Amino acid sequence: MTTARVAIVSRGAPLTVRDAAGEMPTDGPLVDRYGRVHDDLRLSVTDRCNLRCIYCMPNEGMTFLPRAQILSFEEIVRVAAVARDLGVRSVRLTGGEPLVRRGLRDLVERIAELGFDDVALTTNGILLAPIAKDLAAAGLRRVNVSCDSLRPERFEAIRRRGELEVVLSAMAAAEAAGLTPVKVNVVLLRGRNDDEILDFAAFARDTGRVVRFIEYMPLDAQGEWDRDQLVSGREVVERIEQVWPLVPVQQPGDPAPADRYRFADEIGEIGVISTVTEPFCGTCNRLRLTSDGAIRNCLFSDAEHSVREVLRSGGDDEDVAMLLRRAVWGKLPGHGINEPGFLRPRRSMSMIGG
């Protein structure tokens, strides 16, 4: 059997590939035609959310999936177990907002028992504080908490629901439960919250939390994304360095989406996720399972493989494994956002899972 060699890539540079020919492997890790090994699985447990962030959902009129179409916990665990056997080492639970799914603690416990190296959660924080300790006891290791402003009125304007103080309390509760390091996700929109870049940098220094600035991506449900609203990761770094010098800590070939920087005085760390302006496709190791059971190999691709159909038609674990392999093998070299022919995906972020 022939497999592809490793892709040659640098962030922000075009992807170049060596020897992309070959047949899909039927054993070994989940590898694509460009040599990228996929060992990180994002599991969306719901497309529903208790907020209506302006960069994600309309305030009214959002249509959600019928509950019968959503994977059961048993189905999610089964897919996760097969993925674990294929070399997946890290799992992140996402949504929508994952904590609106009842009984999530039970799912965390069952996922953790499979033996993953890391089990994490991305949340908007609204429901986190009361159950942070229970989630940690169940096997959750880390949380990323979304927070797009440190100013209460602006926070509410961007999120349309929820209160800043509740989210800040959730971060503290997560730390008290040992769900560290707490990472704080900030989606920047020009003219709305980009004047808080230095405030968030100071927040990282004061709290020890890792603030990650995320470029606005064309994944909003209302289809209003505009490149003019985007604040590039490079601009973020340049603005912060005018006040606090930064030192890059990213390792070559690191598949993590964020470019990491520590402050030169070693007080704190930030990250920038430059999905649009400096894509990291060449080192991407992520695979996604939507809440209704679609395997996706890229946020921006509409290619999907329905594991729900396999599970509910009596397929066995080998059938699930081959579906995962086919999904990974079909992955393109890059998402093509900056190409003239790019078409935004039909599903929005909340429907795919972050």
Protein backbone atom coordinates (compact mmCIF):
# COMPACT_ATOMS: atom_id res chain seq x y z
CA MET A 1 0.00 0.00 0.00
CA THR A 2 1.26 3.49 -0.85
CA THR A 3 0.56 6.55 1.21
CA ALA A 4 1.37 10.19 0.68
CA ARG A 5 4.51 11.81 1.96
CA VAL A 6 4.47 14.71 4.38
CA ALA A 7 3.23 18.04 3.06
CA ILE A 8 5.64 20.95 3.08
CA VAL A 9 4.00 24.09 4.44
CA SER A 10 4.54 27.30 6.33
CA ARG A 11 1.78 29.39 7.83
CA GLY A 12 0.65 32.10 5.48
CA ALA A 13 2.41 30.50 2.51
CA PRO A 14 0.86 28.44 -0.28
CA LEU A 15 0.67 24.72 0.42
CA THR A 16 3.14 22.68 -1.58
CA VAL A 17 2.96 18.92 -1.68
CA ARG A 18 5.40 16.16 -2.46
CA ASP A 19 4.11 12.90 -3.94
CA ALA A 20 0.39 13.17 -3.23
CA ALA A 21 -0.37 9.99 -5.17
CA GLY A 22 -1.32 6.70 -3.56
CA GLU A 23 -4.16 4.52 -2.36
CA MET A 24 -6.17 5.14 0.78
CA PRO A 25 -4.59 3.20 3.66
CA THR A 26 -6.79 0.68 5.41
CA ASP A 27 -4.72 0.48 8.58
CA GLY A 28 -2.53 2.76 10.64
CA PRO A 29 -3.42 6.34 11.60
CA LEU A 30 -5.94 8.62 9.90
CA VAL A 31 -3.78 10.15 7.18
CA ASP A 32 -4.80 12.16 4.14
CA ARG A 33 -3.23 12.32 0.67
CA TYR A 34 -0.91 15.11 1.81
CA GLY A 35 0.59 13.31 4.78
CA ARG A 36 -1.40 15.09 7.46
CA VAL A 37 -2.18 12.75 10.37
CA HIS A 38 -5.54 13.48 11.99
CA ASP A 39 -5.47 12.89 15.75
CA ASP A 40 -7.83 15.64 16.97
CA LEU A 41 -11.62 15.14 16.90
CA ARG A 42 -14.19 17.90 17.46
CA LEU A 43 -17.50 16.48 18.68
CA SER A 44 -20.50 18.79 18.34
CA VAL A 45 -23.26 17.71 20.71
CA THR A 46 -25.91 20.24 19.65
CA ASP A 47 -26.59 22.99 17.13
CA ARG A 48 -28.57 24.96 19.72
CA CYS A 49 -27.25 27.91 21.68
CA ASN A 50 -28.46 30.16 24.49
CA LEU A 51 -26.80 33.24 22.94
CA ARG A 52 -27.18 35.01 19.59
CA CYS A 53 -23.72 36.46 18.93
CA ILE A 54 -23.75 38.90 16.03
CA TYR A 55 -20.95 37.05 14.19
CA CYS A 56 -22.71 33.70 14.47
CA MET A 57 -26.53 33.77 14.53
CA PRO A 58 -29.41 36.13 13.78
CA ASN A 59 -31.28 37.41 16.81
CA GLU A 60 -34.51 35.76 15.65
CA GLY A 61 -35.58 33.10 13.19
CA MET A 62 -32.82 30.53 13.65
CA THR A 63 -34.01 27.03 12.73
CA PHE A 64 -32.56 24.12 14.69
CA LEU A 65 -32.37 20.43 13.88
CA PRO A 66 -35.17 18.11 15.06
CA ARG A 67 -34.02 16.19 18.12
CA ALA A 68 -34.50 12.86 16.36
CA GLN A 69 -31.71 13.82 13.95
CA ILE A 70 -29.22 14.54 16.74
CA LEU A 71 -26.83 11.74 17.67
CA SER A 72 -27.48 10.08 21.00
CA PHE A 73 -24.72 9.92 23.58
CA GLU A 74 -24.35 6.21 22.80
CA GLU A 75 -23.77 7.02 19.12
CA ILE A 76 -21.28 9.79 19.91
CA VAL A 77 -19.32 7.51 22.24
CA ARG A 78 -19.24 4.76 19.65
CA VAL A 79 -17.76 7.06 17.01
CA ALA A 80 -15.27 8.42 19.54
CA ALA A 81 -14.20 4.86 20.47
CA VAL A 82 -13.55 3.97 16.84
CA ALA A 83 -11.61 7.21 16.37
CA ARG A 84 -9.54 6.40 19.45
CA ASP A 85 -8.63 3.03 17.94
CA LEU A 86 -7.53 4.86 14.77
CA GLY A 87 -5.08 7.04 16.65
CA VAL A 88 -7.13 10.06 17.66
CA ARG A 89 -5.65 11.41 20.89
CA SER A 90 -7.61 14.59 21.64
CA VAL A 91 -11.32 15.31 21.79
CA ARG A 92 -13.07 18.65 22.13
CA LEU A 93 -16.80 18.93 22.86
CA THR A 94 -18.45 21.81 21.01
CA GLY A 95 -21.80 23.10 19.78
CA GLY A 96 -23.75 25.35 19.36
CA GLU A 97 -23.34 25.66 23.08
CA PRO A 98 -22.53 22.18 24.43
CA LEU A 99 -23.73 22.90 27.95
CA VAL A 100 -27.35 23.32 26.80
CA ARG A 101 -27.37 19.57 26.10
CA ARG A 102 -28.77 17.83 29.15
CA GLY A 103 -26.64 15.24 30.89
CA LEU A 104 -23.37 16.41 29.37
CA ARG A 105 -21.46 15.30 32.45
CA ASP A 106 -22.35 11.69 31.60
CA LEU A 107 -21.03 12.10 28.07
CA VAL A 108 -17.79 13.63 29.34
CA GLU A 109 -17.29 10.70 31.69
CA ARG A 110 -17.91 8.13 28.97
CA ILE A 111 -15.59 9.91 26.54
CA ALA A 112 -12.86 10.25 29.17
CA GLU A 113 -13.06 6.54 29.98
CA LEU A 114 -11.98 5.76 26.41
CA GLY A 115 -8.47 6.89 27.29
CA PHE A 116 -7.89 10.05 25.26
CA ASP A 117 -4.86 12.13 26.15
CA ASP A 118 -7.00 15.25 26.31
CA VAL A 119 -10.71 15.94 26.71
CA ALA A 120 -11.63 19.61 26.39
CA LEU A 121 -14.71 21.80 26.00
CA THR A 122 -15.48 25.07 24.22
CA THR A 123 -18.26 27.07 25.87
CA ASN A 124 -19.73 30.54 26.05
CA GLY A 125 -19.53 30.21 29.83
CA ILE A 126 -23.13 31.07 30.69
CA LEU A 127 -23.89 27.67 32.25
CA LEU A 128 -20.38 26.63 33.25
CA ALA A 129 -19.84 27.83 36.83
CA PRO A 130 -22.38 25.57 38.60
CA ILE A 131 -21.10 22.39 36.95
CA ALA A 132 -17.38 23.06 36.49
CA LYS A 133 -16.39 20.78 39.38
CA ASP A 134 -18.67 17.98 38.20
CA LEU A 135 -17.23 18.17 34.69
CA ALA A 136 -13.69 18.04 36.05
CA ALA A 137 -14.58 15.03 38.22
CA ALA A 138 -16.01 13.34 35.12
CA GLY A 139 -12.70 13.67 33.29
CA LEU A 140 -12.80 17.03 31.52
CA ARG A 141 -9.34 18.56 31.49
CA ARG A 142 -9.60 22.02 29.95
CA VAL A 143 -12.06 24.67 28.82
CA ASN A 144 -12.02 27.46 26.28
CA VAL A 145 -14.42 30.24 27.23
CA SER A 146 -15.66 32.74 24.64
CA CYS A 147 -15.66 36.39 25.69
CA ASP A 148 -15.68 39.18 23.10
CA SER A 149 -15.62 42.25 25.31
CA LEU A 150 -14.56 43.26 28.80
CA ARG A 151 -17.13 46.06 28.85
CA PRO A 152 -20.54 44.92 30.13
CA GLU A 153 -22.72 46.94 27.78
CA ARG A 154 -20.65 46.05 24.73
CA PHE A 155 -20.54 42.39 25.78
CA GLU A 156 -24.34 42.33 25.82
CA ALA A 157 -24.54 44.14 22.48
CA ILE A 158 -22.29 41.57 20.79
CA ARG A 159 -23.79 38.53 22.49
CA ARG A 160 -27.38 39.86 22.56
CA ARG A 161 -27.97 37.68 25.63
CA GLY A 162 -26.05 36.92 28.80
CA GLU A 163 -23.94 39.01 31.14
CA LEU A 164 -20.19 39.58 31.28
CA GLU A 165 -20.02 39.00 35.03
CA VAL A 166 -21.49 35.51 34.62
CA VAL A 167 -18.78 34.60 32.09
CA LEU A 168 -15.96 36.03 34.21
CA SER A 169 -17.28 34.02 37.17
CA ALA A 170 -17.30 30.92 34.96
CA MET A 171 -13.61 31.40 34.19
CA ALA A 172 -12.84 31.61 37.90
CA ALA A 173 -14.96 28.52 38.61
CA ALA A 174 -13.14 26.60 35.89
CA GLU A 175 -9.79 27.49 37.43
CA ALA A 176 -11.00 26.49 40.89
CA ALA A 177 -12.07 23.12 39.44
CA GLY A 178 -8.65 22.57 37.87
CA LEU A 179 -9.80 23.03 34.27
CA THR A 180 -6.63 24.83 33.31
CA PRO A 181 -5.17 26.58 31.52
CA VAL A 182 -8.35 28.53 30.83
CA LYS A 183 -8.21 29.91 27.30
CA VAL A 184 -10.31 32.94 26.44
CA ASN A 185 -11.55 33.13 22.84
CA VAL A 186 -12.07 36.63 21.44
CA VAL A 187 -13.59 37.09 17.98
CA LEU A 188 -12.52 40.51 16.75
CA LEU A 189 -14.72 42.70 14.56
CA ARG A 190 -13.36 45.97 13.26
CA GLY A 191 -15.20 48.95 14.66
CA ARG A 192 -16.94 46.90 17.34
CA ASN A 193 -14.36 45.51 19.76
CA ASP A 194 -10.92 45.87 18.15
CA ASP A 195 -10.25 48.85 20.44
CA GLU A 196 -10.06 46.30 23.29
CA ILE A 197 -7.03 44.41 21.99
CA LEU A 198 -4.75 46.01 24.59
CA ASP A 199 -7.39 45.55 27.29
CA PHE A 200 -7.46 41.83 26.58
CA ALA A 201 -3.66 41.68 26.50
CA ALA A 202 -3.61 43.30 29.94
CA PHE A 203 -6.30 40.81 31.04
CA ALA A 204 -4.01 37.95 29.99
CA ARG A 205 -1.15 39.44 31.99
CA ASP A 206 -3.28 40.10 35.07
CA THR A 207 -5.10 36.76 35.20
CA GLY A 208 -2.67 34.25 33.69
CA ARG A 209 -5.39 33.16 31.26
CA VAL A 210 -4.39 32.63 27.65
CA VAL A 211 -6.29 35.10 25.49
CA ARG A 212 -6.71 33.94 21.88
CA PHE A 213 -7.69 36.50 19.27
CA ILE A 214 -9.67 34.89 16.43
CA GLU A 215 -10.16 36.30 12.97
CA TYR A 216 -13.78 36.75 11.91
CA MET A 217 -14.59 33.88 9.54
CA PRO A 218 -17.28 33.48 6.83
CA LEU A 219 -19.34 31.08 8.94
CA ASP A 220 -22.15 33.26 10.27
CA ALA A 221 -25.68 31.94 9.77
CA GLN A 222 -26.98 35.22 8.40
CA GLY A 223 -24.33 35.38 5.66
CA GLU A 224 -23.23 38.93 6.46
CA TRP A 225 -19.48 38.26 6.73
CA ASP A 226 -17.41 41.02 5.18
CA ARG A 227 -13.63 41.02 4.88
CA ASP A 228 -13.61 44.70 5.87
CA GLN A 229 -14.74 43.66 9.36
CA LEU A 230 -11.79 41.31 9.77
CA VAL A 231 -8.90 42.24 12.07
CA SER A 232 -5.85 40.21 11.08
CA GLY A 233 -3.74 38.29 13.54
CA ARG A 234 -0.70 40.16 12.32
CA GLU A 235 -2.35 43.48 13.20
CA VAL A 236 -3.17 42.18 16.68
CA VAL A 237 0.45 41.26 17.33
CA GLU A 238 1.71 44.59 16.01
CA ARG A 239 -0.67 46.56 18.22
CA ILE A 240 0.27 44.65 21.36
CA GLU A 241 3.98 44.88 20.65
CA GLN A 242 3.73 48.66 20.70
CA VAL A 243 3.14 48.31 24.44
CA TRP A 244 4.47 44.89 25.45
CA PRO A 245 7.16 43.08 23.40
CA LEU A 246 6.17 39.53 22.43
CA VAL A 247 8.23 36.40 21.88
CA PRO A 248 6.85 33.66 19.58
CA VAL A 249 6.71 30.23 21.19
CA GLN A 250 5.23 28.23 18.31
CA GLN A 251 7.12 25.07 17.46
CA PRO A 252 7.70 24.17 13.77
CA GLY A 253 5.00 21.82 12.53
CA ASP A 254 2.75 22.37 15.55
CA PRO A 255 -0.81 21.56 14.37
CA ALA A 256 -2.45 23.86 16.92
CA PRO A 257 -4.49 26.58 15.19
CA ALA A 258 -3.13 29.44 17.29
CA ASP A 259 0.21 31.16 16.80
CA ARG A 260 1.38 31.52 20.39
CA TYR A 261 3.30 34.42 21.90
CA ARG A 262 4.50 35.01 25.42
CA PHE A 263 5.19 38.45 26.77
CA ALA A 264 8.91 39.16 26.77
CA ASP A 265 8.87 39.74 30.54
CA GLU A 266 7.29 36.25 30.86
CA ILE A 267 4.08 37.59 32.38
CA GLY A 268 1.37 35.84 30.44
CA GLU A 269 0.66 34.53 26.95
CA ILE A 270 -1.62 35.30 24.01
CA GLY A 271 -2.50 33.48 20.81
CA VAL A 272 -3.79 34.56 17.40
CA ILE A 273 -5.84 32.33 15.12
CA SER A 274 -5.38 33.71 11.61
CA THR A 275 -7.62 31.31 9.71
CA VAL A 276 -8.31 33.78 6.91
CA THR A 277 -5.13 35.80 6.43
CA GLU A 278 -2.52 33.16 7.31
CA PRO A 279 -4.15 29.73 6.94
CA PHE A 280 -2.64 26.77 8.80
CA CYS A 281 -4.18 24.16 6.49
CA GLY A 282 -0.87 22.43 5.86
CA THR A 283 -0.60 21.30 9.48
CA CYS A 284 -4.31 20.80 10.18
CA ASN A 285 -4.95 17.62 12.16
CA ARG A 286 -8.65 18.12 12.92
CA LEU A 287 -11.70 16.09 12.05
CA ARG A 288 -15.25 17.09 12.96
CA LEU A 289 -18.44 15.26 13.83
CA THR A 290 -21.55 17.44 13.60
CA SER A 291 -24.40 17.00 16.05
CA ASP A 292 -26.46 15.23 13.39
CA GLY A 293 -23.70 12.76 12.59
CA ALA A 294 -21.86 14.21 9.60
CA ILE A 295 -18.10 13.71 9.41
CA ARG A 296 -16.41 16.84 8.04
CA ASN A 297 -12.70 17.12 7.28
CA CYS A 298 -12.66 20.93 7.11
CA LEU A 299 -14.71 23.79 8.52
CA PHE A 300 -15.03 25.29 5.06
CA SER A 301 -15.82 22.22 2.99
CA ASP A 302 -19.34 21.03 2.26
CA ALA A 303 -18.14 17.46 1.77
CA GLU A 304 -19.81 15.32 4.44
CA HIS A 305 -20.01 11.62 5.28
CA SER A 306 -23.02 10.56 7.36
CA VAL A 307 -21.96 8.30 10.20
CA ARG A 308 -25.52 8.50 11.51
CA GLU A 309 -26.74 6.58 8.49
CA VAL A 310 -24.07 3.94 9.08
CA LEU A 311 -24.93 3.58 12.75
CA ARG A 312 -28.70 3.52 12.32
CA SER A 313 -28.62 1.07 9.42
CA GLY A 314 -26.77 -1.53 11.46
CA GLY A 315 -23.21 -0.80 10.38
CA ASP A 316 -20.39 -2.18 12.53
CA ASP A 317 -17.29 -0.45 13.90
CA GLU A 318 -15.28 -1.35 10.81
CA ASP A 319 -17.86 0.47 8.69
CA VAL A 320 -17.46 3.53 10.93
CA ALA A 321 -13.68 3.28 10.68
CA MET A 322 -13.75 3.15 6.89
CA LEU A 323 -16.07 6.15 6.80
CA LEU A 324 -13.59 8.12 8.92
CA ARG A 325 -10.75 7.05 6.64
CA ARG A 326 -12.64 8.09 3.51
CA ALA A 327 -13.47 11.46 5.02
CA VAL A 328 -9.85 12.16 5.89
CA TRP A 329 -8.50 10.82 2.60
CA GLY A 330 -10.76 13.20 0.68
CA LYS A 331 -9.44 16.31 2.42
CA LEU A 332 -8.25 19.08 0.12
CA PRO A 333 -4.85 20.74 0.60
CA GLY A 334 -6.44 23.97 1.83
CA HIS A 335 -9.74 25.74 2.48
CA GLY A 336 -9.38 28.22 -0.37
CA ILE A 337 -10.88 31.23 1.42
CA ASN A 338 -8.55 33.56 -0.44
CA GLU A 339 -9.15 31.97 -3.85
CA PRO A 340 -11.46 33.68 -6.40
CA GLY A 341 -13.78 30.69 -6.62
CA PHE A 342 -14.30 30.23 -2.88
CA LEU A 343 -17.87 29.49 -1.84
CA ARG A 344 -18.76 29.79 1.82
CA PRO A 345 -20.10 26.54 3.32
CA ARG A 346 -23.83 26.00 3.44
CA ARG A 347 -23.70 25.24 7.15
CA SER A 348 -22.81 27.93 9.67
CA MET A 349 -20.37 27.53 12.57
CA SER A 350 -23.06 26.63 15.11
CA MET A 351 -24.32 23.88 12.80
CA ILE A 352 -20.85 22.47 12.19
CA GLY A 353 -19.22 22.73 15.59
CA GLY A 354 -16.16 24.83 16.36
